[in-house]
Amino acid sequence: MLRHLASIAEVVEDVDAAVHFYRDILGLEVEVHSEGYADVTVPGALHFGIWSRAEAANATYGSPDAADRVPLGFTIGFEVDDVLTAEKRLEDAGIEVIQSTKTEPWKQITSRFLTPGGSFCEIAETPWARSITQQMKAC
């Protein structure tokens, strides 16, 4: 079912404060894509993002007004071979799928769910990002 850990993002109330922390305090490269999303370059991570709670709610529930339904903190994304199959397996196991399979505007196929511990996660098909193109090594 799972190919690999594909992404980590911090869901935050204040993207500007998070950008300041990761860029100015930790010294990482940050690319702001919109008011609600930024990418952070972290050595050893395929993708690390900063996601506003309102934008996460809009992507998941279709409205930023549902922000209180999205937990703050870290979310992880898992790359899978087939989102529909993986989503069915989650549902069959009693996992609450909070956003059924859909194609995002950037053409990634996603489904989002809550883990039994209440963490906000996703499964995704991202064919253009399935191979690791950077060498991963511990220092």
C-alpha atoms as a PDB file:
ATOM      1  CA  MET A   1       0.000   0.000   0.000  1.00  0.00           C
ATOM      2  CA  LEU A   2       2.572   2.627   1.055  1.00  0.00           C
ATOM      3  CA  ARG A   3       5.511   3.497  -1.201  1.00  0.00           C
ATOM      4  CA  HIS A   4       7.262   5.963   1.120  1.00  0.00           C
ATOM      5  CA  LEU A   5       6.854   8.923   3.423  1.00  0.00           C
ATOM      6  CA  ALA A   6       6.279  11.709   0.923  1.00  0.00           C
ATOM      7  CA  SER A   7       5.774  14.874   2.933  1.00  0.00           C
ATOM      8  CA  ILE A   8       5.708  16.571   6.278  1.00  0.00           C
ATOM      9  CA  ALA A   9       3.970  19.882   6.871  1.00  0.00           C
ATOM     10  CA  GLU A  10       3.289  22.019   9.871  1.00  0.00           C
ATOM     11  CA  VAL A  11      -0.309  23.227  10.060  1.00  0.00           C
ATOM     12  CA  VAL A  12      -0.218  26.686  11.624  1.00  0.00           C
ATOM     13  CA  GLU A  13      -2.467  29.645  12.370  1.00  0.00           C
ATOM     14  CA  ASP A  14       0.176  32.203  11.314  1.00  0.00           C
ATOM     15  CA  VAL A  15       2.179  31.357   8.171  1.00  0.00           C
ATOM     16  CA  ASP A  16       4.259  34.551   8.412  1.00  0.00           C
ATOM     17  CA  ALA A  17       5.416  33.646  11.926  1.00  0.00           C
ATOM     18  CA  ALA A  18       6.268  30.106  10.781  1.00  0.00           C
ATOM     19  CA  VAL A  19       8.188  31.430   7.757  1.00  0.00           C
ATOM     20  CA  HIS A  20      10.119  33.748  10.076  1.00  0.00           C
ATOM     21  CA  PHE A  21      10.962  30.823  12.380  1.00  0.00           C
ATOM     22  CA  TYR A  22      12.141  28.421   9.683  1.00  0.00           C
ATOM     23  CA  ARG A  23      13.911  31.055   7.524  1.00  0.00           C
ATOM     24  CA  ASP A  24      15.259  33.639   9.952  1.00  0.00           C
ATOM     25  CA  ILE A  25      15.836  31.588  13.096  1.00  0.00           C
ATOM     26  CA  LEU A  26      16.683  28.120  11.719  1.00  0.00           C
ATOM     27  CA  GLY A  27      18.311  29.510   8.571  1.00  0.00           C
ATOM     28  CA  LEU A  28      16.450  27.289   6.113  1.00  0.00           C
ATOM     29  CA  GLU A  29      15.437  28.249   2.588  1.00  0.00           C
ATOM     30  CA  VAL A  30      11.711  29.021   2.413  1.00  0.00           C
ATOM     31  CA  GLU A  31       9.670  29.574  -0.741  1.00  0.00           C
ATOM     32  CA  VAL A  32       6.273  31.174  -0.102  1.00  0.00           C
ATOM     33  CA  HIS A  33       3.773  30.047  -2.740  1.00  0.00           C
ATOM     34  CA  SER A  34       0.691  31.791  -1.420  1.00  0.00           C
ATOM     35  CA  GLU A  35      -0.631  33.406   1.713  1.00  0.00           C
ATOM     36  CA  GLY A  36      -1.500  29.923   2.956  1.00  0.00           C
ATOM     37  CA  TYR A  37       1.400  27.686   1.875  1.00  0.00           C
ATOM     38  CA  ALA A  38       5.188  27.662   1.781  1.00  0.00           C
ATOM     39  CA  ASP A  39       7.879  25.066   1.066  1.00  0.00           C
ATOM     40  CA  VAL A  40      10.888  24.715   3.348  1.00  0.00           C
ATOM     41  CA  THR A  41      14.078  23.090   2.073  1.00  0.00           C
ATOM     42  CA  VAL A  42      15.194  20.657   4.770  1.00  0.00           C
ATOM     43  CA  PRO A  43      18.167  18.376   4.048  1.00  0.00           C
ATOM     44  CA  GLY A  44      17.021  14.743   4.014  1.00  0.00           C
ATOM     45  CA  ALA A  45      13.312  15.533   3.544  1.00  0.00           C
ATOM     46  CA  LEU A  46      11.518  14.999   0.246  1.00  0.00           C
ATOM     47  CA  HIS A  47       9.006  17.726   1.071  1.00  0.00           C
ATOM     48  CA  PHE A  48       8.461  19.924   4.105  1.00  0.00           C
ATOM     49  CA  GLY A  49       5.696  22.501   4.027  1.00  0.00           C
ATOM     50  CA  ILE A  50       4.079  25.206   6.091  1.00  0.00           C
ATOM     51  CA  TRP A  51       0.299  25.088   5.646  1.00  0.00           C
ATOM     52  CA  SER A  52      -2.165  27.566   7.091  1.00  0.00           C
ATOM     53  CA  ARG A  53      -4.964  25.955   9.020  1.00  0.00           C
ATOM     54  CA  ALA A  54      -7.524  27.844   6.913  1.00  0.00           C
ATOM     55  CA  GLU A  55      -5.970  26.585   3.638  1.00  0.00           C
ATOM     56  CA  ALA A  56      -5.823  23.019   4.979  1.00  0.00           C
ATOM     57  CA  ALA A  57      -9.530  23.314   5.835  1.00  0.00           C
ATOM     58  CA  ASN A  58     -10.312  24.699   2.402  1.00  0.00           C
ATOM     59  CA  ALA A  59      -8.446  21.831   0.686  1.00  0.00           C
ATOM     60  CA  THR A  60      -9.986  19.188   2.936  1.00  0.00           C
ATOM     61  CA  TYR A  61     -13.500  20.416   3.723  1.00  0.00           C
ATOM     62  CA  GLY A  62     -14.027  22.904   0.903  1.00  0.00           C
ATOM     63  CA  SER A  63     -14.135  25.959   3.166  1.00  0.00           C
ATOM     64  CA  PRO A  64     -11.654  27.928   5.286  1.00  0.00           C
ATOM     65  CA  ASP A  65     -14.508  28.293   7.774  1.00  0.00           C
ATOM     66  CA  ALA A  66     -13.864  24.664   8.798  1.00  0.00           C
ATOM     67  CA  ALA A  67     -10.416  25.536  10.202  1.00  0.00           C
ATOM     68  CA  ASP A  68     -11.407  24.460  13.710  1.00  0.00           C
ATOM     69  CA  ARG A  69     -11.805  20.903  12.336  1.00  0.00           C
ATOM     70  CA  VAL A  70      -8.116  20.741  11.307  1.00  0.00           C
ATOM     71  CA  PRO A  71      -5.674  20.002  14.131  1.00  0.00           C
ATOM     72  CA  LEU A  72      -2.670  22.267  14.499  1.00  0.00           C
ATOM     73  CA  GLY A  73       0.717  20.562  14.465  1.00  0.00           C
ATOM     74  CA  PHE A  74       2.461  18.291  12.027  1.00  0.00           C
ATOM     75  CA  THR A  75       0.818  16.320   9.255  1.00  0.00           C
ATOM     76  CA  ILE A  76       2.436  13.625   7.156  1.00  0.00           C
ATOM     77  CA  GLY A  77       1.695  12.426   3.663  1.00  0.00           C
ATOM     78  CA  PHE A  78       2.211   8.911   2.382  1.00  0.00           C
ATOM     79  CA  GLU A  79       2.777   8.128  -1.283  1.00  0.00           C
ATOM     80  CA  VAL A  80       0.681   5.145  -2.418  1.00  0.00           C
ATOM     81  CA  ASP A  81       0.254   3.258  -5.677  1.00  0.00           C
ATOM     82  CA  ASP A  82      -3.496   3.863  -5.803  1.00  0.00           C
ATOM     83  CA  VAL A  83      -5.354   6.328  -3.571  1.00  0.00           C
ATOM     84  CA  LEU A  84      -8.793   4.741  -4.079  1.00  0.00           C
ATOM     85  CA  THR A  85      -7.514   1.312  -2.996  1.00  0.00           C
ATOM     86  CA  ALA A  86      -5.645   2.751  -0.024  1.00  0.00           C
ATOM     87  CA  GLU A  87      -8.649   4.846   1.019  1.00  0.00           C
ATOM     88  CA  LYS A  88     -10.900   1.765   0.950  1.00  0.00           C
ATOM     89  CA  ARG A  89      -8.410  -0.126   3.092  1.00  0.00           C
ATOM     90  CA  LEU A  90      -8.429   2.700   5.654  1.00  0.00           C
ATOM     91  CA  GLU A  91     -12.230   2.854   5.715  1.00  0.00           C
ATOM     92  CA  ASP A  92     -12.513  -0.942   6.006  1.00  0.00           C
ATOM     93  CA  ALA A  93     -10.241  -0.723   9.050  1.00  0.00           C
ATOM     94  CA  GLY A  94     -12.511   1.894  10.656  1.00  0.00           C
ATOM     95  CA  ILE A  95     -10.258   4.905  10.014  1.00  0.00           C
ATOM     96  CA  GLU A  96     -12.165   8.166   9.549  1.00  0.00           C
ATOM     97  CA  VAL A  97     -11.570   9.494   6.033  1.00  0.00           C
ATOM     98  CA  ILE A  98     -12.311  13.204   6.208  1.00  0.00           C
ATOM     99  CA  GLN A  99     -11.674  13.996   2.533  1.00  0.00           C
ATOM    100  CA  SER A 100     -12.440  11.386  -0.091  1.00  0.00           C
ATOM    101  CA  THR A 101     -10.226  10.917  -3.110  1.00  0.00           C
ATOM    102  CA  LYS A 102      -9.937  14.024  -5.259  1.00  0.00           C
ATOM    103  CA  THR A 103      -7.549  15.548  -7.764  1.00  0.00           C
ATOM    104  CA  GLU A 104      -5.934  18.741  -6.480  1.00  0.00           C
ATOM    105  CA  PRO A 105      -5.472  21.786  -8.757  1.00  0.00           C
ATOM    106  CA  TRP A 106      -1.767  20.833  -9.025  1.00  0.00           C
ATOM    107  CA  LYS A 107      -2.852  17.357 -10.335  1.00  0.00           C
ATOM    108  CA  GLN A 108      -1.893  15.357  -7.228  1.00  0.00           C
ATOM    109  CA  ILE A 109      -4.524  12.803  -6.184  1.00  0.00           C
ATOM    110  CA  THR A 110      -5.185  12.928  -2.432  1.00  0.00           C
ATOM    111  CA  SER A 111      -7.341  11.579   0.354  1.00  0.00           C
ATOM    112  CA  ARG A 112      -7.074  12.857   3.918  1.00  0.00           C
ATOM    113  CA  PHE A 113      -7.815  11.078   7.169  1.00  0.00           C
ATOM    114  CA  LEU A 114      -7.408  11.253  10.922  1.00  0.00           C
ATOM    115  CA  THR A 115      -5.224   8.675  12.651  1.00  0.00           C
ATOM    116  CA  PRO A 116      -6.597   6.965  15.773  1.00  0.00           C
ATOM    117  CA  GLY A 117      -4.531   9.475  17.783  1.00  0.00           C
ATOM    118  CA  GLY A 118      -6.187  12.408  16.001  1.00  0.00           C
ATOM    119  CA  SER A 119      -3.368  13.385  13.640  1.00  0.00           C
ATOM    120  CA  PHE A 120      -4.258  14.870  10.263  1.00  0.00           C
ATOM    121  CA  CYS A 121      -2.646  12.850   7.428  1.00  0.00           C
ATOM    122  CA  GLU A 122      -2.952  12.192   3.716  1.00  0.00           C
ATOM    123  CA  ILE A 123      -2.343   9.501   1.165  1.00  0.00           C
ATOM    124  CA  ALA A 124      -1.415  10.653  -2.316  1.00  0.00           C
ATOM    125  CA  GLU A 125      -0.517   9.659  -5.845  1.00  0.00           C
ATOM    126  CA  THR A 126       2.194  12.001  -7.064  1.00  0.00           C
ATOM    127  CA  PRO A 127       3.765  10.229 -10.069  1.00  0.00           C
ATOM    128  CA  TRP A 128       6.144  13.086 -10.941  1.00  0.00           C
ATOM    129  CA  ALA A 129       7.598  13.047  -7.405  1.00  0.00           C
ATOM    130  CA  ARG A 130       7.947   9.320  -6.789  1.00  0.00           C
ATOM    131  CA  SER A 131      11.690   9.022  -7.205  1.00  0.00           C
ATOM    132  CA  ILE A 132      14.260  10.354  -4.806  1.00  0.00           C
ATOM    133  CA  THR A 133      16.484  12.695  -6.784  1.00  0.00           C
ATOM    134  CA  GLN A 134      18.780  13.812  -3.990  1.00  0.00           C
ATOM    135  CA  GLN A 135      21.252  11.734  -2.087  1.00  0.00           C
ATOM    136  CA  MET A 136      20.110  11.061   1.451  1.00  0.00           C
ATOM    137  CA  LYS A 137      22.828  10.633   4.072  1.00  0.00           C
ATOM    138  CA  ALA A 138      23.266  11.199   7.762  1.00  0.00           C
ATOM    139  CA  CYS A 139      25.918  13.630   8.928  1.00  0.00           C
END
